[in-house]
Protein backbone atom coordinates (compact mmCIF):
# COMPACT_ATOMS: atom_id res chain seq x y z
CA MET A 1 -158.54 57.68 202.12
CA GLU A 2 -161.77 59.68 202.01
CA VAL A 3 -160.82 62.13 199.27
CA MET A 4 -163.86 64.38 199.77
CA ARG A 5 -162.68 65.03 203.35
CA VAL A 6 -158.92 65.45 202.90
CA LEU A 7 -158.60 67.03 199.46
CA HIS A 8 -158.40 70.70 200.42
CA MET A 9 -155.58 73.19 200.66
CA ASN A 10 -154.05 74.26 203.98
CA LYS A 11 -156.45 76.81 205.39
CA GLY A 12 -155.94 80.21 206.97
CA ASN A 13 -153.13 82.66 206.37
CA GLY A 14 -150.20 81.05 208.18
CA GLU A 15 -146.73 80.27 206.85
CA THR A 16 -147.76 76.83 205.54
CA SER A 17 -151.14 77.96 204.22
CA TYR A 18 -152.20 77.82 200.59
CA ALA A 19 -152.86 81.56 200.78
CA LYS A 20 -149.12 82.12 201.37
CA ASN A 21 -147.87 79.39 199.00
CA SER A 22 -149.90 79.47 195.79
CA THR A 23 -147.70 81.44 193.40
CA VAL A 24 -147.28 78.39 191.15
CA GLN A 25 -151.04 78.07 190.70
CA SER A 26 -151.27 81.81 189.99
CA ASN A 27 -148.60 81.46 187.30
CA ILE A 28 -150.51 78.55 185.76
CA ILE A 29 -153.67 80.69 185.59
CA SER A 30 -151.66 83.37 183.79
CA LEU A 31 -150.20 80.84 181.34
CA GLY A 32 -153.72 79.69 180.42
CA ARG A 33 -155.08 83.19 179.96
CA ARG A 34 -154.66 83.27 176.17
CA VAL A 35 -156.67 80.06 175.66
CA MET A 36 -159.38 81.32 178.02
CA ASP A 37 -159.64 84.72 176.32
CA GLU A 38 -159.91 83.08 172.92
CA ALA A 39 -162.75 80.82 174.09
CA LEU A 40 -164.64 83.71 175.71
CA LYS A 41 -164.39 85.85 172.59
CA LYS A 42 -165.81 83.02 170.48
CA LEU A 43 -168.60 82.52 173.01
CA MET A 44 -169.56 86.20 172.98
CA MET A 45 -169.35 86.48 169.20
CA SER A 46 -171.72 83.53 168.74
CA ASN A 47 -174.23 84.83 171.34
CA SER A 48 -174.81 88.44 170.29
CA ASP A 49 -178.17 88.75 172.05
CA ILE A 50 -177.26 87.09 175.34
CA LEU A 51 -178.50 89.02 178.39
CA SER A 52 -177.34 86.76 181.23
CA ILE A 53 -174.28 84.52 181.32
CA GLY A 54 -173.78 81.59 183.68
CA ILE A 55 -170.12 81.14 184.62
CA ALA A 56 -168.57 78.48 186.86
CA ASP A 57 -165.04 78.16 188.22
CA LEU A 58 -164.51 74.57 189.34
CA GLY A 59 -161.89 73.95 192.00
CA CYS A 60 -161.66 77.61 193.02
CA SER A 61 -159.78 76.79 196.25
CA SER A 62 -159.11 79.74 198.59
CA GLY A 63 -156.51 82.42 199.07
CA PRO A 64 -155.49 85.13 196.60
CA ASN A 65 -156.13 82.92 193.54
CA SER A 66 -159.73 82.07 194.41
CA LEU A 67 -161.14 85.10 192.55
CA LEU A 68 -158.29 85.57 190.06
CA SER A 69 -159.75 83.43 187.28
CA ILE A 70 -163.19 84.99 187.68
CA SER A 71 -161.65 88.47 187.60
CA ASN A 72 -159.86 87.56 184.36
CA ILE A 73 -163.08 86.16 182.85
CA ILE A 74 -165.05 89.29 183.73
CA ASP A 75 -162.31 91.57 182.39
CA THR A 76 -162.33 89.73 179.07
CA ILE A 77 -166.12 89.83 178.76
CA GLN A 78 -166.13 93.56 179.52
CA ASN A 79 -163.43 94.23 176.93
CA VAL A 80 -165.17 92.13 174.27
CA CYS A 81 -168.42 93.98 174.88
CA LEU A 82 -166.59 97.29 174.56
CA ASP A 83 -165.07 96.19 171.24
CA LEU A 84 -168.47 95.07 169.96
CA ASP A 85 -170.24 98.19 171.27
CA ARG A 86 -172.81 96.16 173.18
CA PRO A 87 -173.97 96.16 176.81
CA ILE A 88 -172.35 93.87 179.35
CA PRO A 89 -174.67 90.97 180.15
CA GLU A 90 -175.64 90.03 183.66
CA LEU A 91 -172.99 87.70 185.11
CA ARG A 92 -174.04 84.74 187.26
CA VAL A 93 -170.79 83.48 188.81
CA SER A 94 -170.54 80.19 190.71
CA LEU A 95 -167.42 79.27 192.69
CA ASN A 96 -167.08 75.55 193.30
CA ASP A 97 -164.85 73.40 195.47
CA LEU A 98 -165.20 70.52 197.91
CA PRO A 99 -167.15 71.22 201.14
CA ASN A 100 -164.01 71.43 203.30
CA ASN A 101 -162.62 74.29 201.22
CA ASP A 102 -162.03 77.56 203.09
CA PHE A 103 -165.01 79.43 201.60
CA ASN A 104 -164.93 81.97 204.46
CA TYR A 105 -161.72 83.41 202.99
CA ILE A 106 -163.49 83.90 199.66
CA PHE A 107 -166.56 85.50 201.20
CA ALA A 108 -164.39 87.99 203.08
CA SER A 109 -162.74 88.95 199.77
CA LEU A 110 -165.98 89.68 197.91
CA PRO A 111 -166.50 93.36 198.89
CA GLU A 112 -163.11 94.32 197.43
CA PHE A 113 -163.85 92.14 194.41
CA TYR A 114 -167.17 93.91 193.73
CA ASP A 115 -165.53 97.32 194.10
CA ARG A 116 -162.89 96.39 191.55
CA ILE A 117 -165.51 95.23 189.02
CA LYS A 118 -167.49 98.44 189.50
CA ASN A 119 -164.43 100.67 189.08
CA ASN A 120 -163.25 98.76 186.03
CA LYS A 121 -166.69 98.94 184.44
CA GLU A 122 -166.88 102.68 184.95
CA GLY A 123 -163.33 103.05 183.64
CA LEU A 124 -164.33 101.32 180.42
CA GLY A 125 -167.13 103.82 179.96
CA PHE A 126 -170.10 101.57 180.71
CA SER A 127 -173.14 102.86 182.55
CA LEU A 128 -173.88 100.84 185.66
CA GLY A 129 -177.63 101.37 185.42
CA GLY A 130 -179.96 100.85 188.34
CA GLY A 131 -178.85 97.41 189.55
CA GLU A 132 -175.91 95.15 190.07
CA SER A 133 -174.56 93.17 187.13
CA CYS A 134 -172.48 90.43 188.81
CA PHE A 135 -173.86 87.86 191.25
CA VAL A 136 -171.41 85.50 192.99
CA SER A 137 -172.40 82.33 194.80
CA ALA A 138 -170.55 79.33 196.23
CA VAL A 139 -171.44 75.77 195.23
CA PRO A 140 -169.71 73.18 197.45
CA GLY A 141 -169.44 69.66 196.10
CA SER A 142 -167.40 67.36 193.86
CA PHE A 143 -167.26 68.26 190.18
CA TYR A 144 -167.30 64.52 189.50
CA GLY A 145 -171.08 64.76 189.42
CA ARG A 146 -173.83 67.29 188.77
CA LEU A 147 -173.55 70.68 190.49
CA PHE A 148 -175.81 73.06 188.54
CA PRO A 149 -179.28 73.08 186.95
CA ARG A 150 -179.67 71.80 183.42
CA ARG A 151 -178.49 74.25 180.72
CA SER A 152 -177.76 77.01 183.23
CA LEU A 153 -174.10 77.62 182.29
CA HIS A 154 -172.42 79.24 179.30
CA PHE A 155 -168.79 79.07 180.37
CA VAL A 156 -166.90 76.67 182.66
CA HIS A 157 -163.33 77.17 183.81
CA SER A 158 -161.06 74.99 185.92
CA SER A 159 -157.38 75.45 186.76
CA SER A 160 -155.01 73.16 188.71
CA SER A 161 -157.81 70.81 189.73
CA LEU A 162 -158.57 68.05 187.24
CA HIS A 163 -155.35 66.15 187.98
CA TRP A 164 -157.01 65.22 191.30
CA LEU A 165 -159.06 62.02 191.21
CA SER A 166 -162.34 61.33 192.97
CA GLN A 167 -160.72 58.47 194.87
CA VAL A 168 -157.53 56.47 195.19
CA PRO A 169 -157.60 53.92 192.36
CA CYS A 170 -158.74 50.41 193.22
CA GLY A 171 -156.13 47.75 192.79
CA GLU A 172 -156.28 43.98 192.80
CA VAL A 173 -158.88 42.47 195.10
CA LYS A 174 -157.27 39.94 197.46
CA LYS A 175 -158.69 37.61 200.10
CA GLU A 176 -156.42 36.71 202.99
CA ASP A 177 -157.45 35.10 206.29
CA GLY A 178 -161.07 35.64 205.38
CA ALA A 179 -160.62 39.40 204.89
CA ILE A 180 -161.07 41.06 201.49
CA THR A 181 -158.63 43.89 200.71
CA VAL A 182 -157.83 46.03 197.69
CA ASP A 183 -154.09 46.20 197.04
CA LEU A 184 -152.29 48.33 194.46
CA ASP A 185 -149.05 46.55 195.43
CA ASN A 186 -147.23 49.87 195.10
CA ARG A 187 -144.71 49.38 197.87
CA GLU A 188 -142.42 52.18 199.06
CA LYS A 189 -144.18 54.56 196.66
CA ILE A 190 -147.05 57.01 197.02
CA TYR A 191 -147.78 57.35 193.30
CA ILE A 192 -146.98 55.32 190.19
CA SER A 193 -143.33 55.15 189.20
CA LYS A 194 -141.00 53.12 187.02
CA THR A 195 -140.83 50.42 189.70
CA SER A 196 -144.61 50.23 190.19
CA PRO A 197 -146.36 47.16 188.76
CA LYS A 198 -148.28 47.52 185.51
CA SER A 199 -151.47 46.78 187.42
CA ALA A 200 -150.98 50.05 189.35
CA HIS A 201 -150.45 51.99 186.10
CA LYS A 202 -153.63 50.45 184.70
CA ALA A 203 -155.64 51.19 187.86
CA TYR A 204 -154.65 54.86 187.82
CA ALA A 205 -155.41 55.25 184.11
CA LEU A 206 -158.80 53.58 184.50
CA GLN A 207 -159.71 55.80 187.46
CA PHE A 208 -158.86 58.92 185.45
CA GLN A 209 -160.90 57.74 182.47
CA THR A 210 -163.89 57.01 184.70
CA ASP A 211 -163.66 60.34 186.53
CA PHE A 212 -163.11 62.49 183.44
CA SER A 213 -166.02 60.81 181.67
CA VAL A 214 -168.29 61.64 184.61
CA PHE A 215 -166.97 65.21 184.63
CA LEU A 216 -167.74 65.67 180.92
CA ARG A 217 -171.17 64.04 181.16
CA SER A 218 -172.08 66.24 184.14
CA ARG A 219 -170.97 69.45 182.43
CA SER A 220 -172.78 68.48 179.23
CA GLU A 221 -176.05 68.54 181.19
CA GLU A 222 -175.27 71.91 182.75
CA LEU A 223 -173.94 73.82 179.72
CA VAL A 224 -176.11 75.29 177.00
CA PRO A 225 -175.47 74.04 173.44
CA GLY A 226 -172.48 75.98 172.15
CA GLY A 227 -171.27 76.63 175.70
CA ARG A 228 -167.55 76.40 176.31
CA MET A 229 -165.09 74.97 178.80
CA VAL A 230 -161.44 75.82 179.37
CA LEU A 231 -159.57 73.33 181.54
CA SER A 232 -155.99 73.77 182.74
CA PHE A 233 -154.25 71.03 184.73
CA LEU A 234 -151.05 69.03 185.09
CA GLY A 235 -150.64 66.22 182.60
CA ARG A 236 -147.86 64.76 180.51
CA SER A 237 -146.55 65.05 176.96
CA SER A 238 -145.40 61.42 176.78
CA GLN A 239 -147.35 58.18 176.53
CA ASP A 240 -145.24 56.87 179.44
CA PRO A 241 -147.00 57.64 182.77
CA THR A 242 -143.71 57.37 184.70
CA THR A 243 -141.78 60.18 183.04
CA GLU A 244 -140.23 62.82 185.29
CA GLU A 245 -142.73 65.49 184.26
CA SER A 246 -145.67 63.43 185.44
CA CYS A 247 -144.56 61.80 188.68
CA TYR A 248 -141.19 62.99 189.95
CA GLN A 249 -142.58 65.33 192.63
CA TRP A 250 -144.24 62.27 194.21
CA GLU A 251 -141.10 60.17 193.76
CA LEU A 252 -139.03 62.67 195.76
CA LEU A 253 -141.71 62.94 198.45
CA ALA A 254 -141.66 59.15 198.76
CA GLN A 255 -137.88 59.34 199.19
CA ALA A 256 -138.33 61.76 202.08
CA LEU A 257 -140.91 59.46 203.68
CA MET A 258 -138.69 56.39 203.22
CA SER A 259 -135.74 58.16 204.85
CA MET A 260 -137.94 58.74 207.90
CA ALA A 261 -139.14 55.13 207.86
CA ASN A 262 -135.55 53.88 207.75
CA GLU A 263 -134.86 55.88 210.91
CA GLY A 264 -137.96 54.56 212.65
CA ILE A 265 -139.74 57.94 212.71
CA ILE A 266 -142.71 56.60 210.75
CA GLU A 267 -143.85 53.08 209.89
CA GLY A 268 -142.89 51.80 206.45
CA GLU A 269 -146.21 49.97 206.17
CA LYS A 270 -147.99 53.33 206.16
CA ILE A 271 -146.06 54.35 203.04
CA ASP A 272 -147.12 51.11 201.34
CA ALA A 273 -150.74 51.84 202.28
CA PHE A 274 -150.78 55.46 201.01
CA ASN A 275 -151.42 56.28 197.35
CA ALA A 276 -152.07 59.78 196.04
CA PRO A 277 -155.45 60.49 194.38
CA TYR A 278 -153.69 62.14 191.43
CA TYR A 279 -153.14 61.41 187.75
CA ALA A 280 -151.22 63.25 185.04
CA ALA A 281 -153.02 62.34 181.81
CA SER A 282 -151.56 62.39 178.30
CA SER A 283 -153.13 64.23 175.38
CA GLU A 284 -154.01 60.87 173.81
CA GLU A 285 -155.94 59.84 176.92
CA LEU A 286 -157.79 63.15 176.99
CA LYS A 287 -158.79 62.90 173.34
CA MET A 288 -159.92 59.31 173.77
CA VAL A 289 -162.22 60.11 176.72
CA ILE A 290 -163.60 63.28 175.11
CA GLU A 291 -164.38 61.52 171.84
CA LYS A 292 -165.91 58.50 173.59
CA GLU A 293 -168.16 60.62 175.84
CA GLY A 294 -169.26 62.57 172.77
CA SER A 295 -170.72 65.80 174.20
CA PHE A 296 -167.79 68.10 173.39
CA LEU A 297 -165.54 69.02 170.51
CA ILE A 298 -161.91 69.99 171.11
CA ASP A 299 -161.36 73.55 169.92
CA ARG A 300 -157.76 73.74 171.15
CA LEU A 301 -155.38 71.52 173.12
CA ASP A 302 -151.93 72.75 174.15
CA ILE A 303 -149.29 71.09 176.32
CA SER A 304 -146.40 73.22 177.54
CA ALA A 305 -143.55 72.80 180.01
CA VAL A 306 -143.48 74.74 183.27
CA ASP A 307 -140.89 74.46 186.02
CA TRP A 308 -141.81 73.44 189.54
CA GLU A 309 -142.11 77.09 190.52
CA GLY A 310 -144.67 77.72 187.76
CA GLY A 311 -142.44 79.46 185.24
CA SER A 312 -142.71 78.75 181.52
CA ILE A 313 -139.61 77.00 180.13
CA SER A 314 -138.28 75.95 176.75
CA GLU A 315 -136.48 72.75 175.75
CA GLU A 316 -133.20 74.69 175.70
CA SER A 317 -133.50 75.34 179.44
CA TYR A 318 -134.20 71.72 180.51
CA ASP A 319 -130.57 71.18 181.48
CA LEU A 320 -130.27 74.52 183.25
CA VAL A 321 -128.72 74.08 186.69
CA ARG A 322 -128.52 76.49 189.59
CA SER A 323 -125.93 77.28 192.19
CA LYS A 324 -126.34 75.38 195.43
CA PRO A 325 -127.76 78.35 197.42
CA GLU A 326 -130.25 79.11 194.60
CA ALA A 327 -131.17 75.45 194.30
CA LEU A 328 -131.80 75.04 198.03
CA ALA A 329 -133.93 78.20 198.07
CA SER A 330 -135.95 76.82 195.15
CA GLY A 331 -136.27 73.51 196.96
CA ARG A 332 -137.74 75.22 200.00
CA ARG A 333 -140.24 77.19 197.90
CA VAL A 334 -141.34 74.05 196.07
CA ALA A 335 -141.66 72.12 199.34
CA ASN A 336 -143.83 74.88 200.81
CA THR A 337 -146.05 74.86 197.71
CA ILE A 338 -146.45 71.08 197.79
CA ARG A 339 -147.03 71.10 201.54
CA ALA A 340 -149.86 73.63 201.24
CA VAL A 341 -151.62 71.22 198.88
CA VAL A 342 -150.91 67.69 200.13
CA GLU A 343 -150.43 68.06 203.89
CA PRO A 344 -154.16 67.50 204.65
CA MET A 345 -153.92 64.20 202.71
CA LEU A 346 -150.78 63.03 204.51
CA GLU A 347 -151.70 63.93 208.09
CA PRO A 348 -154.38 61.23 208.65
CA THR A 349 -151.90 58.50 207.67
CA PHE A 350 -148.56 59.75 208.98
CA GLY A 351 -149.56 62.15 211.78
CA GLU A 352 -149.45 65.90 212.21
CA ASN A 353 -146.34 65.71 214.41
CA VAL A 354 -144.02 64.58 211.56
CA MET A 355 -145.05 67.14 208.93
CA ASP A 356 -142.34 69.72 209.72
CA GLU A 357 -139.61 67.08 209.57
CA LEU A 358 -141.03 65.54 206.40
CA PHE A 359 -141.08 68.77 204.42
CA GLU A 360 -137.66 69.84 205.70
CA ARG A 361 -136.30 66.65 204.18
CA TYR A 362 -138.36 67.09 201.04
CA ALA A 363 -137.05 70.65 200.58
CA LYS A 364 -133.47 69.38 200.78
CA ILE A 365 -134.07 66.54 198.30
CA VAL A 366 -135.79 68.87 195.82
CA GLY A 367 -133.02 71.44 196.23
CA GLU A 368 -130.39 68.82 195.42
CA HIS A 369 -132.35 67.93 192.30
CA PHE A 370 -132.36 71.58 191.20
CA CYS A 371 -128.56 71.43 191.31
CA VAL A 372 -128.63 68.75 188.58
CA SER A 373 -131.45 69.81 186.24
CA LEU A 374 -134.61 71.91 186.06
CA PRO A 375 -137.57 69.76 187.16
CA ARG A 376 -140.73 70.42 185.21
CA TYR A 377 -144.44 69.72 184.88
CA ALA A 378 -146.44 69.37 181.67
CA LEU A 379 -149.28 71.89 181.70
CA VAL A 380 -152.39 70.99 179.69
CA ASN A 381 -154.73 73.70 178.41
CA VAL A 382 -157.77 72.39 176.58
CA SER A 383 -160.71 74.38 175.19
CA LEU A 384 -163.94 72.47 174.56
CA VAL A 385 -167.25 73.35 172.89
CA ARG A 386 -170.56 71.77 173.90
CA THR A 387 -172.18 70.22 170.85
CA SER A 388 -175.86 70.86 170.14
C-alpha cells in the first residue's frame, strides 16, 4: 500500500465525504482545547517582544474542521494579547496534509475565515492598522520529514493524525520459489489483535517508534528554542496493544470483511494481504521515544476516554448500553465516520463496488456492539517544549 497516495479523507461534500462525517474529529479538537490554550499562553508569556509567530497545523485534512484548530489558536492568541495589553503579532499560518488532500475545499473557505478573524479582532478592541495580520498558506507533504525552514515555527499543532503511520509495518522477510516477500502473517485481520502473532505486534511498535522519532527530529529543526507543540491523537492507556480501546474498530471491520469473504463477495487472500497503517501508542512508548530523541520536554501528557462518537466518558459509563434502535443509529454514524477516513485505503485492495455493502455490514456489527457496552478510544493530548 502506497500510504502517501491513499491516506486522505473522502473528498467533496457528498453523503460519504469527510466534510459530512467528521463530528468525532471536531469533538476531539474541542477536548484538546484546554491543553492547547495552556501551551499558547505559556508561549506568549515567554516571548513578550515577539512580532511574528509561525504556526503550523499538521494533518489539517479538509471539510469544516480544516480551519477549526487554527481559528481556536488565533482566538487564544488574541485573547492573551488583550489580557497582557500588547499588540497582536503577525500570524504566519501553515496548513499541512498529504498531497492528495482536498486543499481546494480549504482555499474556498478562506475568505469567510479572514472575515471572521477581522470581525473578532475589531470586537476585541484592536486596531487593524494598515495591513493584514494573518497569512495562510498550504504545505503539502508528509510530516514524517522536514516541511518548513529551520527555526521558522513557534507553535505546532496536530489533531487526529499521528496515529497514522508512514507505511504499513514490515514483517518477516521470506523467500519462496525465488521470490522475496514481506509477511506480517496477520491472517484474517487488518490490524493487530489478540490472535495476531507477536512478530506483528513488534513490527507495528517498531514502525511507530521510527516514525515518531523522525517526526520529532523534523520539528526540532523547524521550531525555535522554546517553541511548543500540542499533539492530540488516538492511543491507549494500557501496555497491551490489543485492548479494545486501541484496536476494536479494526477488529469489527475485519469481521465485516470476513463475512463477505465467506460468501464469496471478496477474496479472503486480500484480507490477509491488507494491514492498516495505524498504531495506537501507549504513554510509555511516547515517553520513551521523546526522551530518546532528546529535543523536547514533556510539559503535559493526558490520556482520556472518548466514545466512538467523540464524546467524553467516565469509567462509570463504560458499561452503559443503549436500546436497539439507539444502538443501530450509533452504529450507522460510526460506520459513516470510519468510512470517510478509511475508504480510500480499502478501495485499491477490495474494489469500489463492494464499499456500500461493506459499510452496511460494519454499521450493523458496530450497532450490535453498542447494545452490549460503550466502545471507546483512548485520546492522547501531549504538550511539548523545544529545548534550547
